[in-house]
Amino acid sequence: ALDAVPEQAAPDHQASPARAVESRAAADALARAMADLSPEQRVCWVLREMQGLSYESIADTVGISLQAVRGRVFRARRSLTEAMSAWR
């Protein structure tokens, strides 16, 4: 009867803490990169990428032109991509 119970692999306790440390380091790097954005870029990026707002909604919410929103999100993405390139 016990032979019918599948054997489960033992959890890898070494890999899990290492992954947690790496994830924390990446999150810290992202927080630093976000802090380096201008406040205007950060607001537009967060509204677009984290809140899922359309460019039009961001323009209305922030009170700027659609073109300005697109430029700020573009520059924020470029800065974050460069800052996080080591984590790819």
C-alpha atoms as a PDB file:
ATOM      1  CA  ALA A   1       0.000   0.000   0.000  1.00  0.00           C
ATOM      2  CA  LEU A   2       2.834   2.403   0.785  1.00  0.00           C
ATOM      3  CA  ASP A   3       4.431   1.519  -2.541  1.00  0.00           C
ATOM      4  CA  ALA A   4       1.480   3.189  -4.282  1.00  0.00           C
ATOM      5  CA  VAL A   5       2.205   6.570  -2.670  1.00  0.00           C
ATOM      6  CA  PRO A   6       4.471   8.572  -4.969  1.00  0.00           C
ATOM      7  CA  GLU A   7       7.724   9.672  -3.447  1.00  0.00           C
ATOM      8  CA  GLN A   8       8.076  13.439  -3.276  1.00  0.00           C
ATOM      9  CA  ALA A   9      11.370  15.129  -3.880  1.00  0.00           C
ATOM     10  CA  ALA A  10      12.854  16.786  -0.851  1.00  0.00           C
ATOM     11  CA  PRO A  11      12.705  20.568  -1.082  1.00  0.00           C
ATOM     12  CA  ASP A  12      15.948  22.221  -2.080  1.00  0.00           C
ATOM     13  CA  HIS A  13      16.610  24.399   0.956  1.00  0.00           C
ATOM     14  CA  GLN A  14      19.807  25.808  -0.566  1.00  0.00           C
ATOM     15  CA  ALA A  15      18.219  27.126  -3.770  1.00  0.00           C
ATOM     16  CA  SER A  16      15.231  28.729  -2.094  1.00  0.00           C
ATOM     17  CA  PRO A  17      17.178  31.165   0.141  1.00  0.00           C
ATOM     18  CA  ALA A  18      19.501  31.983  -2.756  1.00  0.00           C
ATOM     19  CA  ARG A  19      16.523  32.787  -4.967  1.00  0.00           C
ATOM     20  CA  ALA A  20      14.998  34.892  -2.211  1.00  0.00           C
ATOM     21  CA  VAL A  21      18.208  36.899  -1.838  1.00  0.00           C
ATOM     22  CA  GLU A  22      18.464  37.381  -5.599  1.00  0.00           C
ATOM     23  CA  SER A  23      14.821  38.438  -5.850  1.00  0.00           C
ATOM     24  CA  ARG A  24      15.293  40.901  -3.014  1.00  0.00           C
ATOM     25  CA  ALA A  25      18.417  42.339  -4.652  1.00  0.00           C
ATOM     26  CA  ALA A  26      16.559  42.762  -7.945  1.00  0.00           C
ATOM     27  CA  ALA A  27      13.642  44.443  -6.172  1.00  0.00           C
ATOM     28  CA  ASP A  28      16.072  46.786  -4.407  1.00  0.00           C
ATOM     29  CA  ALA A  29      17.748  47.600  -7.742  1.00  0.00           C
ATOM     30  CA  LEU A  30      14.365  48.367  -9.292  1.00  0.00           C
ATOM     31  CA  ALA A  31      13.440  50.600  -6.347  1.00  0.00           C
ATOM     32  CA  ARG A  32      16.711  52.524  -6.768  1.00  0.00           C
ATOM     33  CA  ALA A  33      16.162  52.823 -10.528  1.00  0.00           C
ATOM     34  CA  MET A  34      12.623  54.091  -9.948  1.00  0.00           C
ATOM     35  CA  ALA A  35      13.914  56.626  -7.421  1.00  0.00           C
ATOM     36  CA  ASP A  36      16.322  57.916 -10.079  1.00  0.00           C
ATOM     37  CA  LEU A  37      13.455  58.744 -12.452  1.00  0.00           C
ATOM     38  CA  SER A  38      12.113  62.265 -12.430  1.00  0.00           C
ATOM     39  CA  PRO A  39       8.876  62.533 -10.440  1.00  0.00           C
ATOM     40  CA  GLU A  40       7.037  63.278 -13.698  1.00  0.00           C
ATOM     41  CA  GLN A  41       8.426  60.169 -15.402  1.00  0.00           C
ATOM     42  CA  ARG A  42       7.769  57.994 -12.359  1.00  0.00           C
ATOM     43  CA  VAL A  43       4.103  59.062 -12.089  1.00  0.00           C
ATOM     44  CA  CYS A  44       3.434  58.431 -15.782  1.00  0.00           C
ATOM     45  CA  TRP A  45       5.278  55.081 -15.750  1.00  0.00           C
ATOM     46  CA  VAL A  46       3.449  53.840 -12.645  1.00  0.00           C
ATOM     47  CA  LEU A  47       0.065  54.877 -14.023  1.00  0.00           C
ATOM     48  CA  ARG A  48       0.787  53.149 -17.334  1.00  0.00           C
ATOM     49  CA  GLU A  49       2.714  50.015 -16.342  1.00  0.00           C
ATOM     50  CA  MET A  50       1.403  49.275 -12.866  1.00  0.00           C
ATOM     51  CA  GLN A  51      -2.106  50.723 -12.957  1.00  0.00           C
ATOM     52  CA  GLY A  52      -2.760  49.917 -16.624  1.00  0.00           C
ATOM     53  CA  LEU A  53      -4.132  53.342 -17.533  1.00  0.00           C
ATOM     54  CA  SER A  54      -4.256  54.385 -21.172  1.00  0.00           C
ATOM     55  CA  TYR A  55      -2.050  57.225 -22.356  1.00  0.00           C
ATOM     56  CA  GLU A  56      -5.196  59.324 -22.768  1.00  0.00           C
ATOM     57  CA  SER A  57      -6.311  58.645 -19.189  1.00  0.00           C
ATOM     58  CA  ILE A  58      -2.865  59.537 -17.884  1.00  0.00           C
ATOM     59  CA  ALA A  59      -2.905  62.804 -19.839  1.00  0.00           C
ATOM     60  CA  ASP A  60      -6.300  63.672 -18.341  1.00  0.00           C
ATOM     61  CA  THR A  61      -5.287  62.601 -14.826  1.00  0.00           C
ATOM     62  CA  VAL A  62      -1.952  64.417 -14.778  1.00  0.00           C
ATOM     63  CA  GLY A  63      -3.131  67.392 -16.832  1.00  0.00           C
ATOM     64  CA  ILE A  64      -0.546  67.191 -19.610  1.00  0.00           C
ATOM     65  CA  SER A  65      -0.637  66.502 -23.335  1.00  0.00           C
ATOM     66  CA  LEU A  66      -0.803  63.011 -24.783  1.00  0.00           C
ATOM     67  CA  GLN A  67       2.576  63.611 -26.438  1.00  0.00           C
ATOM     68  CA  ALA A  68       4.130  64.541 -23.074  1.00  0.00           C
ATOM     69  CA  VAL A  69       2.786  61.342 -21.496  1.00  0.00           C
ATOM     70  CA  ARG A  70       4.217  59.221 -24.314  1.00  0.00           C
ATOM     71  CA  GLY A  71       7.598  60.931 -23.972  1.00  0.00           C
ATOM     72  CA  ARG A  72       7.737  60.513 -20.207  1.00  0.00           C
ATOM     73  CA  VAL A  73       6.771  56.839 -20.327  1.00  0.00           C
ATOM     74  CA  PHE A  74       9.300  56.231 -23.122  1.00  0.00           C
ATOM     75  CA  ARG A  75      12.133  57.896 -21.189  1.00  0.00           C
ATOM     76  CA  ALA A  76      11.181  56.083 -17.978  1.00  0.00           C
ATOM     77  CA  ARG A  77      11.182  52.709 -19.771  1.00  0.00           C
ATOM     78  CA  ARG A  78      14.553  53.457 -21.342  1.00  0.00           C
ATOM     79  CA  SER A  79      16.076  54.455 -17.992  1.00  0.00           C
ATOM     80  CA  LEU A  80      14.657  51.423 -16.190  1.00  0.00           C
ATOM     81  CA  THR A  81      15.778  49.065 -18.964  1.00  0.00           C
ATOM     82  CA  GLU A  82      19.324  50.433 -18.763  1.00  0.00           C
ATOM     83  CA  ALA A  83      19.377  50.321 -14.968  1.00  0.00           C
ATOM     84  CA  MET A  84      18.066  46.753 -14.849  1.00  0.00           C
ATOM     85  CA  SER A  85      20.162  45.351 -17.726  1.00  0.00           C
ATOM     86  CA  ALA A  86      22.365  43.420 -15.288  1.00  0.00           C
ATOM     87  CA  TRP A  87      19.281  41.524 -14.067  1.00  0.00           C
ATOM     88  CA  ARG A  88      18.288  40.141 -17.453  1.00  0.00           C
END
